[in-house]
Amino acid sequence: MQLTTLADSFEINRSGHLAIGGVDALELAQKYGTPLIAYDVSKIKAKIKHFKQAFIDAQIPYRVVYASKAFSAMAMYQLIAEEGLGCDVVSGGELFTALKGGMPPERIEFHGNNKLPAELEMAVDAGIGCIVVDNFQEITFLDTILRAKQATMDVILRVAPGIEAETHKYISTGQENSKFGFDVHSGQAEKALKILIENPRMRVKGIHCHIGSQIFAAKGFVMAVATMVSLLNEWHEKYAFEAEVLNLGGGFGTRYVEQDEPLAPETFAAEIIAAVKKNVHTYGLKMPAIWIEPGRSLVGEAAATLYTVGSRKDVEGVCHFVSVDGGMGDNIRPALYQAKYEAWLASRPHALQEQIVTVVGKYCESGDILVRDVPLPITHAGDILAIPSTGAYGYTMASNYNRNPRPAVVFCENGTAKLIIRRETYADMLACDLGM
């Protein structure tokens, strides 16, 4: 049996409790403590399958690249490696974790607007698949490293196509005034291409764009394809440049609340494929491999965070606050983006919803609010509260604010749970603290 809303996040077991990957949420909370981020691995695998199927059906070269900033952990890299995906990383820390997790180096691409020389050197030494070049200074850094090591590197040129998606301003990245990529209209992108194709140590595999995140319609991607393929045609005529890869980034929307209506992965992929085929045919270009970079859309809905209810504050006719043992330290998105979530009592999800409450955390900030105005049964201290769709940008953006430890993370599948990240201890938080 599934809930009528956010059906992909939960199921209800025979005890009438919420279950994640076939594991009772109350048992998870008792065994591993709270806050606890619990992933249903089968949901991740299903999303991967749906993205891949559209390309398989179209019989065109492709690569699905997991945008690992959404959730970076050794177990996650092990999972996507087993599923045949590539991954992108945006820091030395993510690269180190991916390699430790057994991710094949040739399937790793390195993103970021300010890659440090030490990070670029680490990537070259590891022999990763490609570096997504983002700015002129980076080209200089990379050239210096490749010269010193007498090495070569495949690169992809990131461009800002001037497309603005319908998303929050903090997660929109494709417009001309973005900090990411070479602007097309000012001529920056063409200048960068000329530098790269003249450099014998760098092999330009193709071009990349990313127009934003949490996108619910394919229109922005279709517009980006038109711009990108037109650019490829122009560069083919001027420089005989033929792209092997057209990387259209990610940003595919995820359902957080009932009102969200994201496109299915296979629908997004099919519309992108159709747009690329149409534009490539128009210009008579060779069909490049299409790469996409889903992150949030693979892991977001697969996880829920479990909290233990603590204190309440009830001011009749004014407000009802329910406090939990986590908050902005394990999920900063509501404070940062005004992100919306739903909440359920794990022990009685179908109980009468008697009050409209605001779920708040334990951090010393008025903005430490997880869910505003959510209908819930009357809660009591010790109840387990579940917030679904917390699989993306929760743990990876977690902090030790107020000296609170970061939560544990488990993978659940077929009724079995496995601890993949243990809960931090107070001693862990002091590991780098040297005192006077």
Protein backbone atom coordinates (compact mmCIF):
# COMPACT_ATOMS: atom_id res chain seq x y z
CA MET A 1 0.00 0.00 0.00
CA GLN A 2 1.29 3.48 -0.86
CA LEU A 3 0.42 6.98 0.24
CA THR A 4 -1.76 8.97 -2.11
CA THR A 5 0.83 11.76 -2.29
CA LEU A 6 4.53 11.37 -2.92
CA ALA A 7 3.94 7.70 -3.68
CA ASP A 8 7.55 7.23 -4.77
CA SER A 9 8.88 8.15 -1.33
CA PHE A 10 7.08 5.76 1.00
CA GLU A 11 5.14 2.59 1.31
CA ILE A 12 3.09 1.43 4.30
CA ASN A 13 3.86 -1.96 5.78
CA ARG A 14 1.55 -4.45 7.48
CA SER A 15 2.04 -2.70 10.80
CA GLY A 16 0.64 0.48 9.30
CA HIS A 17 4.01 2.22 9.56
CA LEU A 18 5.95 4.08 6.92
CA ALA A 19 8.58 1.89 5.29
CA ILE A 20 11.59 2.77 3.17
CA GLY A 21 12.95 0.10 0.84
CA GLY A 22 10.84 -2.42 2.69
CA VAL A 23 12.31 -1.47 6.10
CA ASP A 24 10.05 -0.14 8.86
CA ALA A 25 10.88 3.51 9.53
CA LEU A 26 10.43 3.04 13.28
CA GLU A 27 12.92 0.18 13.27
CA LEU A 28 15.38 2.32 11.33
CA ALA A 29 15.06 5.14 13.86
CA GLN A 30 15.47 2.75 16.79
CA LYS A 31 18.54 0.99 15.35
CA TYR A 32 20.43 3.93 13.86
CA GLY A 33 19.07 6.91 15.79
CA THR A 34 17.82 10.20 14.41
CA PRO A 35 18.19 12.37 12.44
CA LEU A 36 18.63 9.63 9.87
CA ILE A 37 18.63 9.90 6.07
CA ALA A 38 17.30 6.66 4.58
CA TYR A 39 17.50 5.87 0.86
CA ASP A 40 15.37 3.37 -1.02
CA VAL A 41 18.03 2.09 -3.44
CA SER A 42 15.43 0.56 -5.77
CA LYS A 43 14.11 4.06 -6.49
CA ILE A 44 17.54 5.23 -7.61
CA LYS A 45 17.98 2.20 -9.85
CA ALA A 46 14.55 2.74 -11.39
CA LYS A 47 15.33 6.38 -12.27
CA ILE A 48 18.62 5.33 -13.84
CA LYS A 49 16.85 2.69 -15.91
CA HIS A 50 14.25 5.18 -17.18
CA PHE A 51 16.85 7.75 -18.24
CA LYS A 52 18.93 5.13 -20.04
CA GLN A 53 15.97 3.49 -21.79
CA ALA A 54 15.11 6.57 -23.84
CA PHE A 55 18.61 6.60 -25.34
CA ILE A 56 18.63 2.87 -25.89
CA ASP A 57 15.29 3.11 -27.72
CA ALA A 58 16.64 5.96 -29.88
CA GLN A 59 19.77 3.94 -30.69
CA ILE A 60 22.15 6.86 -30.35
CA PRO A 61 25.43 7.18 -28.45
CA TYR A 62 24.93 8.58 -24.95
CA ARG A 63 26.22 8.76 -21.41
CA VAL A 64 24.26 9.33 -18.22
CA VAL A 65 26.57 11.17 -15.82
CA TYR A 66 25.56 11.37 -12.17
CA ALA A 67 25.95 14.92 -10.82
CA SER A 68 27.42 13.80 -7.55
CA LYS A 69 27.14 17.11 -5.72
CA ALA A 70 23.54 16.04 -5.06
CA PHE A 71 24.80 13.27 -2.77
CA SER A 72 28.45 12.30 -2.61
CA ALA A 73 29.42 9.18 -0.67
CA MET A 74 31.54 6.12 -1.40
CA ALA A 75 28.47 3.88 -1.44
CA MET A 76 26.76 6.14 -3.96
CA TYR A 77 29.74 6.01 -6.30
CA GLN A 78 29.86 2.23 -5.91
CA LEU A 79 26.18 2.05 -6.86
CA ILE A 80 26.42 4.23 -9.97
CA ALA A 81 29.59 2.45 -11.08
CA GLU A 82 27.70 -0.86 -10.90
CA GLU A 83 24.85 0.71 -12.90
CA GLY A 84 27.24 1.77 -15.67
CA LEU A 85 26.97 5.54 -15.16
CA GLY A 86 29.63 8.20 -15.31
CA CYS A 87 29.87 10.88 -12.66
CA ASP A 88 30.87 14.49 -12.43
CA VAL A 89 32.82 15.96 -9.53
CA VAL A 90 33.32 19.60 -8.58
CA SER A 91 36.14 19.45 -6.03
CA GLY A 92 39.17 17.49 -4.98
CA GLY A 93 37.12 16.04 -2.14
CA GLU A 94 34.46 14.68 -4.47
CA LEU A 95 37.14 13.32 -6.79
CA PHE A 96 38.92 11.63 -3.89
CA THR A 97 35.65 10.08 -2.69
CA ALA A 98 34.70 8.90 -6.18
CA LEU A 99 38.06 7.20 -6.66
CA LYS A 100 37.93 5.62 -3.19
CA GLY A 101 34.42 4.42 -4.04
CA GLY A 102 35.74 2.54 -7.05
CA MET A 103 34.49 4.86 -9.76
CA PRO A 104 36.44 4.12 -12.97
CA PRO A 105 38.58 7.25 -13.60
CA GLU A 106 37.76 7.27 -17.31
CA ARG A 107 34.08 7.81 -16.45
CA ILE A 108 34.72 10.89 -14.29
CA GLU A 109 34.36 14.46 -15.51
CA PHE A 110 35.53 17.45 -13.46
CA HIS A 111 33.32 20.56 -13.22
CA GLY A 112 33.65 23.83 -11.33
CA ASN A 113 34.22 27.53 -11.87
CA ASN A 114 37.36 27.74 -9.72
CA LYS A 115 39.27 24.48 -9.93
CA LEU A 116 42.41 24.85 -7.88
CA PRO A 117 45.77 23.94 -9.43
CA ALA A 118 46.18 21.15 -6.86
CA GLU A 119 42.76 19.77 -7.82
CA LEU A 120 43.58 19.87 -11.53
CA GLU A 121 46.88 18.11 -10.85
CA MET A 122 45.03 15.45 -8.87
CA ALA A 123 42.65 14.93 -11.81
CA VAL A 124 45.51 14.64 -14.32
CA ASP A 125 47.39 12.18 -12.10
CA ALA A 126 44.24 10.06 -11.70
CA GLY A 127 43.72 9.94 -15.48
CA ILE A 128 40.08 11.02 -15.35
CA GLY A 129 37.94 11.02 -18.48
CA CYS A 130 37.71 14.76 -19.07
CA ILE A 131 37.81 18.20 -17.53
CA VAL A 132 34.94 20.57 -18.26
CA VAL A 133 36.87 23.78 -18.85
CA ASP A 134 35.12 26.78 -17.33
CA ASN A 135 37.33 29.88 -17.75
CA PHE A 136 40.55 31.26 -19.21
CA GLN A 137 42.54 31.08 -15.96
CA GLU A 138 41.71 27.39 -15.73
CA ILE A 139 43.09 26.82 -19.22
CA THR A 140 46.35 28.43 -18.12
CA PHE A 141 46.53 26.34 -14.93
CA LEU A 142 45.78 23.13 -16.81
CA ASP A 143 48.29 23.89 -19.57
CA THR A 144 51.04 24.48 -17.00
CA ILE A 145 50.29 21.16 -15.27
CA LEU A 146 50.14 19.20 -18.54
CA ARG A 147 53.42 20.73 -19.71
CA ALA A 148 55.15 19.83 -16.46
CA LYS A 149 53.87 16.26 -16.56
CA GLN A 150 54.21 15.84 -20.33
CA ALA A 151 50.61 14.70 -20.29
CA THR A 152 47.44 15.25 -22.30
CA MET A 153 43.82 15.64 -21.23
CA ASP A 154 40.43 15.47 -22.91
CA VAL A 155 38.39 18.60 -22.26
CA ILE A 156 34.84 19.76 -22.80
CA LEU A 157 34.14 23.46 -23.21
CA ARG A 158 31.42 24.80 -20.92
CA VAL A 159 29.42 27.63 -22.45
CA ALA A 160 26.70 29.89 -21.11
CA PRO A 161 24.06 29.81 -23.86
CA GLY A 162 21.94 32.67 -22.54
CA ILE A 163 18.99 30.45 -21.64
CA GLU A 164 17.16 31.14 -18.36
CA ALA A 165 15.13 28.27 -16.95
CA GLU A 166 12.04 28.64 -14.78
CA THR A 167 13.80 28.09 -11.46
CA HIS A 168 15.09 29.81 -8.33
CA LYS A 169 17.66 32.51 -9.09
CA TYR A 170 20.29 30.76 -6.94
CA ILE A 171 20.15 27.58 -9.04
CA SER A 172 19.81 29.15 -12.50
CA THR A 173 23.13 28.79 -14.32
CA GLY A 174 22.69 29.14 -18.07
CA GLN A 175 22.19 32.89 -18.39
CA GLU A 176 24.82 35.29 -19.70
CA ASN A 177 25.65 36.75 -16.28
CA SER A 178 26.25 33.36 -14.66
CA LYS A 179 29.57 32.71 -12.93
CA PHE A 180 29.77 29.42 -14.86
CA GLY A 181 31.16 28.89 -18.34
CA PHE A 182 32.20 30.98 -21.34
CA ASP A 183 29.57 33.40 -22.61
CA VAL A 184 28.50 32.74 -26.19
CA HIS A 185 27.22 36.15 -27.25
CA SER A 186 30.28 38.16 -26.18
CA GLY A 187 32.61 35.87 -28.13
CA GLN A 188 34.27 34.39 -25.03
CA ALA A 189 33.32 30.85 -25.99
CA GLU A 190 34.79 31.13 -29.50
CA LYS A 191 37.99 32.63 -28.13
CA ALA A 192 38.30 29.74 -25.69
CA LEU A 193 37.72 27.18 -28.44
CA LYS A 194 40.52 28.67 -30.54
CA ILE A 195 42.94 28.49 -27.61
CA LEU A 196 42.01 24.89 -26.86
CA ILE A 197 42.13 23.49 -30.37
CA GLU A 198 45.57 25.04 -30.87
CA ASN A 199 46.91 23.41 -27.71
CA PRO A 200 48.44 19.99 -28.43
CA ARG A 201 48.04 18.91 -24.79
CA MET A 202 44.25 19.34 -24.78
CA ARG A 203 41.79 17.46 -26.95
CA VAL A 204 38.38 19.12 -27.23
CA LYS A 205 35.74 16.38 -27.12
CA GLY A 206 32.75 18.69 -27.24
CA ILE A 207 30.74 21.40 -25.53
CA HIS A 208 28.64 21.59 -22.39
CA CYS A 209 25.87 23.74 -20.95
CA HIS A 210 23.73 23.64 -17.83
CA ILE A 211 20.73 25.95 -17.70
CA GLY A 212 19.64 25.48 -14.09
CA SER A 213 18.06 23.12 -11.61
CA GLN A 214 14.62 21.93 -10.56
CA ILE A 215 13.24 22.37 -14.11
CA PHE A 216 9.78 20.94 -14.78
CA ALA A 217 9.45 21.51 -18.53
CA ALA A 218 11.56 20.49 -21.52
CA LYS A 219 11.23 23.89 -23.26
CA GLY A 220 14.45 25.29 -21.80
CA PHE A 221 16.41 22.22 -22.88
CA VAL A 222 14.97 22.41 -26.40
CA MET A 223 16.02 26.06 -26.62
CA ALA A 224 19.49 25.20 -25.32
CA VAL A 225 19.85 22.45 -27.92
CA ALA A 226 19.02 24.89 -30.71
CA THR A 227 21.63 27.36 -29.48
CA MET A 228 24.29 24.73 -28.88
CA VAL A 229 23.89 22.96 -32.22
CA SER A 230 23.85 26.29 -34.06
CA LEU A 231 27.13 27.09 -32.31
CA LEU A 232 28.57 23.73 -33.34
CA ASN A 233 27.60 24.42 -36.94
CA GLU A 234 29.28 27.83 -36.83
CA TRP A 235 32.46 26.34 -35.38
CA HIS A 236 32.41 23.48 -37.85
CA GLU A 237 32.35 25.97 -40.74
CA LYS A 238 35.04 28.23 -39.24
CA TYR A 239 37.41 25.75 -37.65
CA ALA A 240 36.36 22.32 -38.98
CA PHE A 241 35.56 21.47 -35.36
CA GLU A 242 33.41 18.37 -35.00
CA ALA A 243 32.09 17.66 -31.53
CA GLU A 244 32.07 14.09 -30.30
CA VAL A 245 30.01 15.06 -27.25
CA LEU A 246 27.10 17.42 -26.67
CA ASN A 247 26.63 17.60 -22.91
CA LEU A 248 23.34 19.26 -21.98
CA GLY A 249 23.78 19.12 -18.22
CA GLY A 250 21.06 18.26 -15.76
CA GLY A 251 18.53 20.11 -13.66
CA PHE A 252 15.61 17.73 -14.20
CA GLY A 253 12.90 18.50 -11.67
CA THR A 254 12.01 16.44 -8.61
CA ARG A 255 8.76 16.17 -6.69
CA TYR A 256 8.95 17.65 -3.20
CA VAL A 257 5.28 18.37 -2.55
CA GLU A 258 2.05 17.15 -4.08
CA GLN A 259 1.73 20.19 -6.36
CA ASP A 260 5.05 19.50 -8.08
CA GLU A 261 4.63 17.87 -11.49
CA PRO A 262 8.04 17.00 -12.95
CA LEU A 263 8.32 15.23 -16.27
CA ALA A 264 9.20 11.57 -16.21
CA PRO A 265 12.92 10.90 -16.89
CA GLU A 266 12.21 9.12 -20.15
CA THR A 267 10.06 12.06 -21.33
CA PHE A 268 12.82 14.59 -20.61
CA ALA A 269 15.37 12.39 -22.37
CA ALA A 270 13.13 11.72 -25.38
CA GLU A 271 12.46 15.44 -25.95
CA ILE A 272 16.15 16.26 -25.70
CA ILE A 273 17.03 13.48 -28.14
CA ALA A 274 14.38 14.63 -30.62
CA ALA A 275 15.62 18.23 -30.45
CA VAL A 276 19.24 17.21 -31.00
CA LYS A 277 18.34 14.97 -33.95
CA LYS A 278 16.26 17.71 -35.56
CA ASN A 279 18.91 20.42 -35.24
CA VAL A 280 21.82 18.20 -36.23
CA HIS A 281 19.91 17.09 -39.32
CA THR A 282 19.09 20.71 -40.21
CA TYR A 283 22.78 21.61 -40.36
CA GLY A 284 23.97 18.30 -41.77
CA LEU A 285 26.28 17.67 -38.82
CA LYS A 286 27.49 14.36 -37.51
CA MET A 287 25.39 13.14 -34.58
CA PRO A 288 27.37 13.65 -31.36
CA ALA A 289 27.01 11.49 -28.29
CA ILE A 290 24.46 13.09 -25.96
CA TRP A 291 25.50 13.35 -22.33
CA ILE A 292 23.15 14.36 -19.54
CA GLU A 293 23.91 14.96 -15.86
CA PRO A 294 21.00 14.05 -13.59
CA GLY A 295 21.74 14.39 -9.89
CA ARG A 296 18.77 15.54 -7.84
CA SER A 297 16.38 13.65 -10.11
CA LEU A 298 18.15 10.35 -9.40
CA VAL A 299 18.40 10.59 -5.61
CA GLY A 300 16.01 13.32 -4.43
CA GLU A 301 12.79 11.33 -4.10
CA ALA A 302 14.59 8.14 -3.10
CA ALA A 303 15.29 9.27 0.47
CA ALA A 304 13.45 10.46 3.53
CA THR A 305 14.83 11.98 6.70
CA LEU A 306 13.59 10.61 10.02
CA TYR A 307 13.50 12.87 13.07
CA THR A 308 12.44 12.46 16.67
CA VAL A 309 9.87 14.96 17.92
CA GLY A 310 10.91 16.90 21.01
CA SER A 311 9.25 20.00 22.39
CA ARG A 312 6.15 21.78 21.20
CA LYS A 313 5.04 25.39 21.38
CA ASP A 314 1.32 26.00 21.07
CA VAL A 315 -0.12 29.48 20.99
CA GLU A 316 -3.80 28.95 20.28
CA GLY A 317 -5.05 30.94 17.36
CA VAL A 318 -1.51 31.98 16.48
CA CYS A 319 0.88 29.09 15.90
CA HIS A 320 1.80 25.49 16.63
CA PHE A 321 5.51 24.66 16.50
CA VAL A 322 6.74 21.06 16.51
CA SER A 323 10.47 20.80 17.20
CA VAL A 324 12.64 17.92 15.98
CA ASP A 325 16.20 16.82 16.72
CA GLY A 326 17.61 18.02 13.40
CA GLY A 327 16.98 21.04 11.20
CA MET A 328 19.00 23.38 9.05
CA GLY A 329 22.20 21.51 9.90
CA ASP A 330 21.01 18.47 7.92
CA ASN A 331 18.69 20.27 5.48
CA ILE A 332 19.59 23.87 4.68
CA ARG A 333 17.33 24.07 1.61
CA PRO A 334 14.24 25.57 3.29
CA ALA A 335 16.33 28.36 4.80
CA LEU A 336 18.43 28.88 1.67
CA TYR A 337 15.86 28.47 -1.11
CA GLN A 338 12.53 28.57 0.74
CA ALA A 339 12.19 24.97 -0.39
CA LYS A 340 8.92 23.24 0.46
CA TYR A 341 8.44 19.77 1.92
CA GLU A 342 5.74 17.59 3.39
CA ALA A 343 5.87 15.64 6.67
CA TRP A 344 4.30 12.44 8.02
CA LEU A 345 4.17 10.63 11.32
CA ALA A 346 5.96 7.36 10.69
CA SER A 347 3.88 5.37 13.17
CA ARG A 348 0.44 6.49 11.95
CA PRO A 349 0.62 8.17 8.55
CA HIS A 350 -3.12 7.83 7.97
CA ALA A 351 -4.19 9.21 11.34
CA LEU A 352 -6.55 12.16 11.36
CA GLN A 353 -4.61 15.34 10.57
CA GLU A 354 -5.84 17.47 13.45
CA GLN A 355 -3.57 20.52 13.33
CA ILE A 356 -1.68 22.76 10.95
CA VAL A 357 1.82 22.98 12.39
CA THR A 358 5.24 24.31 11.50
CA VAL A 359 8.08 21.83 11.89
CA VAL A 360 11.20 23.53 13.22
CA GLY A 361 14.70 22.39 14.07
CA LYS A 362 16.91 22.72 17.14
CA TYR A 363 19.32 25.31 15.77
CA CYS A 364 19.57 28.82 17.19
CA GLU A 365 18.12 30.59 14.16
CA SER A 366 14.57 31.83 13.60
CA GLY A 367 14.95 30.65 10.00
CA ASP A 368 15.52 27.06 11.12
CA ILE A 369 12.20 25.89 9.70
CA LEU A 370 11.89 22.56 7.88
CA VAL A 371 8.20 22.58 6.89
CA ARG A 372 5.70 25.42 7.18
CA ASP A 373 1.98 24.90 7.70
CA VAL A 374 1.79 21.15 7.32
CA PRO A 375 -1.27 19.15 8.47
CA LEU A 376 -0.36 16.53 11.09
CA PRO A 377 -1.99 14.48 13.83
CA ILE A 378 -1.36 15.68 17.38
CA THR A 379 2.30 14.88 18.04
CA HIS A 380 4.03 13.86 21.25
CA ALA A 381 7.65 13.84 22.35
CA GLY A 382 9.32 10.72 21.01
CA ASP A 383 7.21 10.42 17.86
CA ILE A 384 9.17 9.75 14.67
CA LEU A 385 8.52 12.34 11.99
CA ALA A 386 9.41 11.58 8.37
CA ILE A 387 10.13 14.20 5.72
CA PRO A 388 10.28 12.71 2.21
CA SER A 389 12.29 13.77 -0.84
CA THR A 390 15.42 14.69 1.10
CA GLY A 391 17.86 12.62 -0.92
CA ALA A 392 19.48 15.56 -2.74
CA TYR A 393 21.43 18.46 -1.26
CA GLY A 394 20.72 17.38 2.32
CA TYR A 395 23.72 15.47 3.59
CA THR A 396 26.10 17.08 1.10
CA MET A 397 25.19 20.56 2.39
CA ALA A 398 25.08 19.51 6.05
CA SER A 399 27.03 21.42 8.69
CA ASN A 400 28.10 21.27 12.31
CA TYR A 401 26.39 24.55 13.19
CA ASN A 402 25.87 24.83 16.96
CA ARG A 403 28.28 21.90 17.19
CA ASN A 404 25.64 19.38 16.20
CA PRO A 405 26.92 16.16 14.60
CA ARG A 406 25.92 15.36 11.04
CA PRO A 407 23.39 12.53 10.63
CA ALA A 408 23.84 8.91 9.70
CA VAL A 409 22.83 7.63 6.25
CA VAL A 410 21.48 4.19 5.35
CA PHE A 411 20.74 2.40 2.09
CA CYS A 412 17.58 0.28 2.20
CA GLU A 413 16.61 -2.34 -0.36
CA ASN A 414 14.42 -5.44 -0.32
CA GLY A 415 13.76 -5.17 3.40
CA THR A 416 17.41 -4.80 4.40
CA ALA A 417 19.20 -1.71 5.65
CA LYS A 418 22.94 -1.01 5.45
CA LEU A 419 24.70 1.82 7.23
CA ILE A 420 26.77 3.69 4.62
CA ILE A 421 27.72 6.80 6.61
CA ARG A 422 27.91 6.56 10.39
CA ARG A 423 26.69 9.35 12.61
CA GLU A 424 29.32 11.88 13.58
CA THR A 425 30.41 11.98 17.20
CA TYR A 426 31.48 14.94 19.27
CA ALA A 427 35.02 13.57 19.02
CA ASP A 428 34.76 13.61 15.21
CA MET A 429 33.94 17.30 15.31
CA LEU A 430 37.05 17.98 17.41
CA ALA A 431 39.38 15.94 15.18
CA CYS A 432 40.77 19.06 13.47
CA ASP A 433 40.42 21.36 16.50
CA LEU A 434 43.95 21.88 17.93
CA GLY A 435 43.14 24.30 20.73
CA MET A 436 45.70 26.86 21.84
